[in-house]
Amino acid sequence: MSKDRILVVEDDFDISNMLRIYFAGQGYEVQVAPRGSDALAMTRKQLPHLIILDIMLPDMNGYDVCRELRQTTRTSHIPIIFLTQKDERSDKIVGLELGADDYVTKPFDIEELKLRVKNSIEASKRQTQIDSKSNMPSGRLIEDHLRALMQSDKPWTYIDIKINDFDAFTEVYGFVAGDDVIRFMALLMNEVVEECGTPEDFLGHPGRDNFIVITHTKDVDRLKQRLAERFNAEVQQHYSFIDRERGYVLVPDGAQGERQASLMTLSIGSVSTLKYQFADIREVTELAAEDRRRGLSGEDAGPKILTSW
């Protein structure tokens, strides 16, 4: 089972180091950011499952960090626990109004904080259907975001992504290695969207080897090309030297002994509101999946269907 990841945003080294050691001992993966700007940069590269956020930071206050995280689509679902020396009711109200999930005052009981962290992560997963491996939205959260976009006038493109030959990889290397590929894919997508997309872009993981990006960038082709290029180059690290050199894996195949399977690559398809109007979310997902299977660009996908709102 993959570890839940906590980001501690705290400029006091003694406190941040104590939290890092304690929560690592509880089985969490812990990262530390001493400044608000560091925290924002780190979340853009790799989404934590929860953020412990001090209000008093050297470069910007925790309220501003929280506000930016909540206003950015990719980070809006991350649970946030404020950690501060302030205990006035007005300070707590400000934090909760900004969308913080909880509020702990220094000095704090570490056992109480542990329970608040555990409960916040579990509640987030229940309510928003976050995939435990990729830490990306899945299920209803993807559908809700699509429905909201379909009511807006802002143009967007839905990108459907599939990891080819993922099943063959897990047959040879096992499910733990497969989980590593899922986490690698999530990290890669965040980095590419940060480079080629917009702050309003939405990343999702409908399941297993299928991922999606809903982007507002005008240069969709560049985003798709970067995803494919980087995946093809960097996924090689998940294979043994022998498999990388020969360019395929040998998969057990019952009576046949073994069969050759290609190394993993990406198939990518897309549809855009610049060419379509969609009546429901099924049209969006089916047209994008059809485009992906055909291996065409989003502009050439499928028949030119025009439906009413």
Protein backbone atom coordinates (compact mmCIF):
# COMPACT_ATOMS: atom_id res chain seq x y z
CA MET A 1 0.00 0.00 0.00
CA SER A 2 1.37 3.42 -0.94
CA LYS A 3 2.11 5.93 1.82
CA ASP A 4 -0.04 9.00 2.32
CA ARG A 5 2.04 12.11 1.77
CA ILE A 6 2.04 15.08 4.18
CA LEU A 7 3.51 18.50 3.41
CA VAL A 8 4.56 20.44 6.53
CA VAL A 9 4.80 24.19 5.89
CA GLU A 10 6.68 25.57 8.90
CA ASP A 11 9.70 27.90 9.19
CA ASP A 12 10.59 26.82 12.75
CA PHE A 13 13.12 24.04 12.16
CA ASP A 14 12.60 22.38 15.55
CA ILE A 15 8.86 22.05 14.97
CA SER A 16 9.08 20.99 11.34
CA ASN A 17 11.81 18.45 12.08
CA MET A 18 9.82 17.02 14.98
CA LEU A 19 6.74 16.67 12.79
CA ARG A 20 8.79 15.11 10.00
CA ILE A 21 10.32 12.51 12.29
CA TYR A 22 7.06 11.76 14.11
CA PHE A 23 4.81 11.35 11.07
CA ALA A 24 7.48 9.41 9.16
CA GLY A 25 7.47 7.05 12.12
CA GLN A 26 3.69 6.74 11.73
CA GLY A 27 4.11 5.51 8.16
CA TYR A 28 3.61 8.76 6.24
CA GLU A 29 5.84 10.23 3.57
CA VAL A 30 6.71 13.71 4.85
CA GLN A 31 8.00 16.75 2.98
CA VAL A 32 8.89 20.08 4.59
CA ALA A 33 8.63 23.59 3.15
CA PRO A 34 10.01 26.48 5.26
CA ARG A 35 8.33 29.18 3.12
CA GLY A 36 4.90 29.66 1.58
CA SER A 37 6.34 30.02 -1.91
CA ASP A 38 8.22 26.74 -1.46
CA ALA A 39 4.97 25.02 -0.47
CA LEU A 40 3.14 26.29 -3.57
CA ALA A 41 5.99 25.18 -5.84
CA MET A 42 6.10 21.73 -4.24
CA THR A 43 2.34 21.15 -4.54
CA ARG A 44 2.47 22.04 -8.22
CA LYS A 45 5.02 19.27 -8.77
CA GLN A 46 3.59 16.58 -6.50
CA LEU A 47 0.23 16.67 -4.74
CA PRO A 48 0.30 15.88 -1.01
CA HIS A 49 -2.61 14.09 0.65
CA LEU A 50 -2.67 16.75 3.38
CA ILE A 51 -0.94 20.03 4.27
CA ILE A 52 -0.05 21.13 7.80
CA LEU A 53 0.24 24.89 7.33
CA ASP A 54 1.69 27.44 9.74
CA ILE A 55 0.08 30.88 9.50
CA MET A 56 3.18 32.92 10.37
CA LEU A 57 5.69 32.36 7.53
CA PRO A 58 8.68 34.52 6.50
CA ASP A 59 7.55 35.35 2.96
CA MET A 60 3.74 35.18 2.96
CA ASN A 61 1.14 34.27 5.55
CA GLY A 62 -0.60 30.92 5.64
CA TYR A 63 -3.91 32.51 4.73
CA ASP A 64 -2.50 33.60 1.36
CA VAL A 65 -1.06 30.13 0.78
CA CYS A 66 -4.42 28.56 1.59
CA ARG A 67 -6.25 31.01 -0.67
CA GLU A 68 -4.02 30.24 -3.65
CA LEU A 69 -4.29 26.47 -3.10
CA ARG A 70 -8.09 26.68 -2.95
CA GLN A 71 -8.30 28.89 -6.04
CA THR A 72 -6.12 26.53 -8.12
CA THR A 73 -8.12 23.65 -9.59
CA ARG A 74 -5.42 21.02 -9.20
CA THR A 75 -4.86 21.72 -5.49
CA SER A 76 -8.34 22.76 -4.37
CA HIS A 77 -9.21 19.33 -2.92
CA ILE A 78 -6.15 18.95 -0.64
CA PRO A 79 -7.05 18.97 3.10
CA ILE A 80 -5.36 21.78 5.04
CA ILE A 81 -4.77 21.94 8.81
CA PHE A 82 -3.67 25.34 10.09
CA LEU A 83 -0.95 25.29 12.74
CA THR A 84 -0.43 28.53 14.65
CA GLN A 85 0.23 30.23 17.97
CA LYS A 86 -2.86 32.38 17.52
CA ASP A 87 -5.95 31.23 19.35
CA GLU A 88 -8.37 34.09 18.83
CA ARG A 89 -11.77 33.19 17.43
CA SER A 90 -11.46 35.70 14.57
CA ASP A 91 -8.24 34.06 13.33
CA LYS A 92 -9.89 30.65 13.26
CA ILE A 93 -12.90 32.02 11.37
CA VAL A 94 -10.65 33.57 8.71
CA GLY A 95 -8.89 30.25 8.16
CA LEU A 96 -12.10 28.23 7.97
CA GLU A 97 -13.71 30.76 5.61
CA LEU A 98 -10.74 30.30 3.26
CA GLY A 99 -11.45 26.56 3.16
CA ALA A 100 -9.13 25.12 5.80
CA ASP A 101 -10.29 21.76 7.11
CA ASP A 102 -9.04 22.13 10.69
CA TYR A 103 -7.15 24.43 13.04
CA VAL A 104 -4.60 23.43 15.72
CA THR A 105 -3.05 25.90 18.17
CA LYS A 106 0.55 25.73 19.42
CA PRO A 107 1.58 24.21 21.73
CA PHE A 108 -0.31 21.17 20.46
CA ASP A 109 -0.82 17.58 21.53
CA ILE A 110 0.97 15.45 18.93
CA GLU A 111 -1.44 12.55 19.45
CA GLU A 112 -4.39 14.86 18.82
CA LEU A 113 -2.72 16.22 15.69
CA LYS A 114 -2.12 12.66 14.50
CA LEU A 115 -5.83 11.87 14.78
CA ARG A 116 -6.81 15.11 13.04
CA VAL A 117 -4.43 14.30 10.17
CA LYS A 118 -5.73 10.74 9.87
CA ASN A 119 -9.38 11.81 9.98
CA SER A 120 -8.90 14.64 7.47
CA ILE A 121 -7.18 12.38 4.93
CA GLU A 122 -9.82 9.65 5.29
CA ALA A 123 -12.67 12.16 5.03
CA SER A 124 -11.13 13.69 1.92
CA LYS A 125 -10.86 10.30 0.23
CA ARG A 126 -14.46 9.42 1.10
CA GLN A 127 -15.95 12.71 0.01
CA THR A 128 -13.98 13.45 -3.12
CA GLN A 129 -13.01 9.98 -4.33
CA ILE A 130 -9.27 10.59 -4.52
CA ASP A 131 -7.29 7.68 -5.96
CA SER A 132 -4.99 6.38 -3.23
CA LYS A 133 -2.05 5.70 -5.58
CA SER A 134 -2.01 8.77 -7.82
CA ASN A 135 -3.66 11.14 -5.28
CA MET A 136 -5.72 12.44 -8.18
CA PRO A 137 -9.48 12.98 -8.34
CA SER A 138 -11.51 10.08 -9.73
CA GLY A 139 -15.15 9.08 -10.15
CA ARG A 140 -17.70 11.65 -9.08
CA LEU A 141 -15.18 14.48 -8.71
CA ILE A 142 -14.27 14.24 -12.40
CA GLU A 143 -17.93 14.12 -13.38
CA ASP A 144 -18.80 17.12 -11.20
CA HIS A 145 -15.98 19.17 -12.70
CA LEU A 146 -17.10 18.30 -16.24
CA ARG A 147 -20.71 19.23 -15.48
CA ALA A 148 -19.63 22.58 -14.08
CA LEU A 149 -17.51 23.31 -17.16
CA MET A 150 -20.36 22.40 -19.50
CA GLN A 151 -22.38 25.23 -17.95
CA SER A 152 -19.64 27.78 -18.59
CA ASP A 153 -18.70 29.69 -21.73
CA LYS A 154 -14.95 29.27 -21.27
CA PRO A 155 -13.37 26.96 -23.91
CA TRP A 156 -11.71 23.77 -22.71
CA THR A 157 -10.25 20.54 -24.03
CA TYR A 158 -10.70 17.07 -22.53
CA ILE A 159 -7.61 14.86 -22.97
CA ASP A 160 -7.93 11.09 -22.56
CA ILE A 161 -4.67 9.25 -21.76
CA LYS A 162 -4.00 5.51 -21.56
CA ILE A 163 -0.79 3.69 -20.63
CA ASN A 164 -0.33 1.03 -23.30
CA ASP A 165 0.95 -2.41 -22.20
CA PHE A 166 0.54 -1.57 -18.51
CA ASP A 167 -1.02 -4.99 -17.83
CA ALA A 168 1.95 -6.76 -19.42
CA PHE A 169 4.32 -4.71 -17.27
CA THR A 170 2.51 -5.69 -14.04
CA GLU A 171 2.47 -9.36 -15.08
CA VAL A 172 6.25 -9.31 -15.34
CA TYR A 173 7.22 -6.87 -12.58
CA GLY A 174 4.29 -7.16 -10.15
CA PHE A 175 1.65 -4.83 -8.77
CA VAL A 176 4.02 -2.92 -6.49
CA ALA A 177 6.06 -1.89 -9.53
CA GLY A 178 2.78 -1.05 -11.27
CA ASP A 179 1.84 1.28 -8.41
CA ASP A 180 5.22 2.99 -8.84
CA VAL A 181 4.37 3.62 -12.50
CA ILE A 182 1.01 5.14 -11.48
CA ARG A 183 2.75 7.52 -9.07
CA PHE A 184 5.37 8.34 -11.71
CA MET A 185 2.60 9.15 -14.20
CA ALA A 186 0.84 11.44 -11.72
CA LEU A 187 4.07 13.32 -11.01
CA LEU A 188 4.87 13.63 -14.72
CA MET A 189 1.38 14.96 -15.51
CA ASN A 190 1.64 17.63 -12.83
CA GLU A 191 5.02 18.77 -14.15
CA VAL A 192 3.89 18.87 -17.79
CA VAL A 193 0.67 20.74 -16.99
CA GLU A 194 2.68 23.19 -14.89
CA GLU A 195 4.93 23.73 -17.93
CA CYS A 196 2.38 23.72 -20.76
CA GLY A 197 -1.04 24.20 -19.16
CA THR A 198 -2.85 26.77 -17.00
CA PRO A 199 -3.58 27.06 -13.24
CA GLU A 200 -7.24 26.20 -13.96
CA ASP A 201 -6.40 22.84 -15.56
CA PHE A 202 -7.87 19.72 -13.95
CA LEU A 203 -6.07 16.36 -13.67
CA GLY A 204 -7.90 13.12 -12.96
CA HIS A 205 -7.41 9.37 -12.67
CA PRO A 206 -10.59 7.50 -13.68
CA GLY A 207 -8.89 4.19 -12.96
CA ARG A 208 -5.89 1.92 -13.35
CA ASP A 209 -4.04 2.84 -16.59
CA ASN A 210 -6.40 5.67 -17.62
CA PHE A 211 -5.79 9.36 -16.84
CA ILE A 212 -7.38 12.63 -17.99
CA VAL A 213 -6.49 16.30 -18.28
CA ILE A 214 -9.08 19.03 -18.77
CA THR A 215 -7.10 22.00 -19.99
CA HIS A 216 -7.74 25.62 -20.94
CA THR A 217 -4.48 26.09 -22.81
CA LYS A 218 -4.62 27.19 -26.44
CA ASP A 219 -1.68 24.97 -27.37
CA VAL A 220 -3.16 21.54 -26.62
CA ASP A 221 -0.90 19.80 -29.12
CA ARG A 222 2.21 20.97 -27.25
CA LEU A 223 0.83 19.64 -23.96
CA LYS A 224 0.00 16.24 -25.49
CA GLN A 225 3.36 16.02 -27.23
CA ARG A 226 5.27 16.79 -24.02
CA LEU A 227 3.30 14.14 -22.13
CA ALA A 228 4.13 11.49 -24.72
CA GLU A 229 7.77 12.50 -25.14
CA ARG A 230 8.55 12.60 -21.44
CA PHE A 231 6.69 9.39 -20.67
CA ASN A 232 8.44 7.45 -23.44
CA ALA A 233 11.85 8.68 -22.28
CA GLU A 234 11.40 8.43 -18.51
CA VAL A 235 9.32 5.25 -18.17
CA GLN A 236 12.45 3.35 -19.19
CA GLN A 237 13.73 3.62 -15.61
CA HIS A 238 11.02 1.18 -14.48
CA TYR A 239 12.44 -1.64 -16.63
CA SER A 240 15.50 -3.80 -16.14
CA PHE A 241 18.58 -3.12 -18.24
CA ILE A 242 17.93 -6.25 -20.31
CA ASP A 243 14.35 -5.29 -21.15
CA ARG A 244 15.37 -1.73 -22.00
CA GLU A 245 18.08 -2.97 -24.34
CA ARG A 246 15.90 -5.43 -26.27
CA GLY A 247 12.87 -3.12 -26.28
CA TYR A 248 10.27 -5.59 -25.00
CA VAL A 249 9.35 -7.83 -22.06
CA LEU A 250 8.67 -11.57 -22.02
CA VAL A 251 5.26 -12.26 -20.47
CA PRO A 252 4.34 -15.76 -19.18
CA ASP A 253 1.72 -17.21 -21.53
CA GLY A 254 0.57 -20.60 -20.26
CA ALA A 255 1.09 -23.44 -22.69
CA GLN A 256 2.76 -21.07 -25.16
CA GLY A 257 5.55 -20.42 -22.70
CA GLU A 258 6.22 -16.70 -23.20
CA ARG A 259 5.08 -13.92 -25.48
CA GLN A 260 6.68 -10.60 -26.33
CA ALA A 261 5.02 -7.39 -25.15
CA SER A 262 6.11 -3.87 -26.02
CA LEU A 263 7.44 -1.42 -23.48
CA MET A 264 4.86 1.01 -22.14
CA THR A 265 3.88 4.06 -24.18
CA LEU A 266 1.00 6.53 -24.08
CA SER A 267 -2.10 6.75 -26.26
CA ILE A 268 -3.63 10.23 -26.15
CA GLY A 269 -6.90 11.56 -27.58
CA SER A 270 -8.85 14.76 -27.07
CA VAL A 271 -12.01 16.72 -27.83
CA SER A 272 -12.56 20.46 -27.50
CA THR A 273 -15.52 22.78 -27.01
CA LEU A 274 -14.03 24.83 -29.84
CA LYS A 275 -15.45 22.19 -32.22
CA TYR A 276 -18.24 20.55 -30.21
CA GLN A 277 -21.14 21.31 -27.94
CA PHE A 278 -21.86 18.50 -25.52
CA ALA A 279 -25.24 17.41 -24.21
CA ASP A 280 -23.79 15.27 -21.41
CA ILE A 281 -20.48 14.08 -20.02
CA ARG A 282 -20.77 10.69 -21.74
CA GLU A 283 -20.35 12.38 -25.11
CA VAL A 284 -17.15 14.03 -23.89
CA THR A 285 -15.54 10.85 -22.59
CA GLU A 286 -16.65 8.65 -25.50
CA LEU A 287 -15.44 11.05 -28.20
CA ALA A 288 -12.08 11.51 -26.48
CA ALA A 289 -11.68 7.74 -26.05
CA GLU A 290 -12.54 7.22 -29.71
CA ASP A 291 -9.94 9.79 -30.70
CA ARG A 292 -7.37 8.05 -28.52
CA ARG A 293 -8.08 4.66 -30.10
CA ARG A 294 -7.75 6.12 -33.58
CA GLY A 295 -4.50 7.84 -32.72
CA LEU A 296 -5.69 11.11 -34.23
CA SER A 297 -5.38 14.69 -33.08
CA GLY A 298 -8.28 16.24 -31.21
CA GLU A 299 -9.20 18.34 -34.24
CA ASP A 300 -9.67 15.28 -36.41
CA ALA A 301 -11.53 13.10 -33.93
CA GLY A 302 -14.74 11.37 -34.95
CA PRO A 303 -17.69 12.70 -36.91
CA LYS A 304 -18.42 16.38 -36.48
CA ILE A 305 -21.39 15.98 -34.13
CA LEU A 306 -23.13 19.13 -32.99
CA THR A 307 -25.72 18.79 -30.24
CA SER A 308 -27.73 21.28 -28.25
CA TRP A 309 -27.14 22.16 -24.63
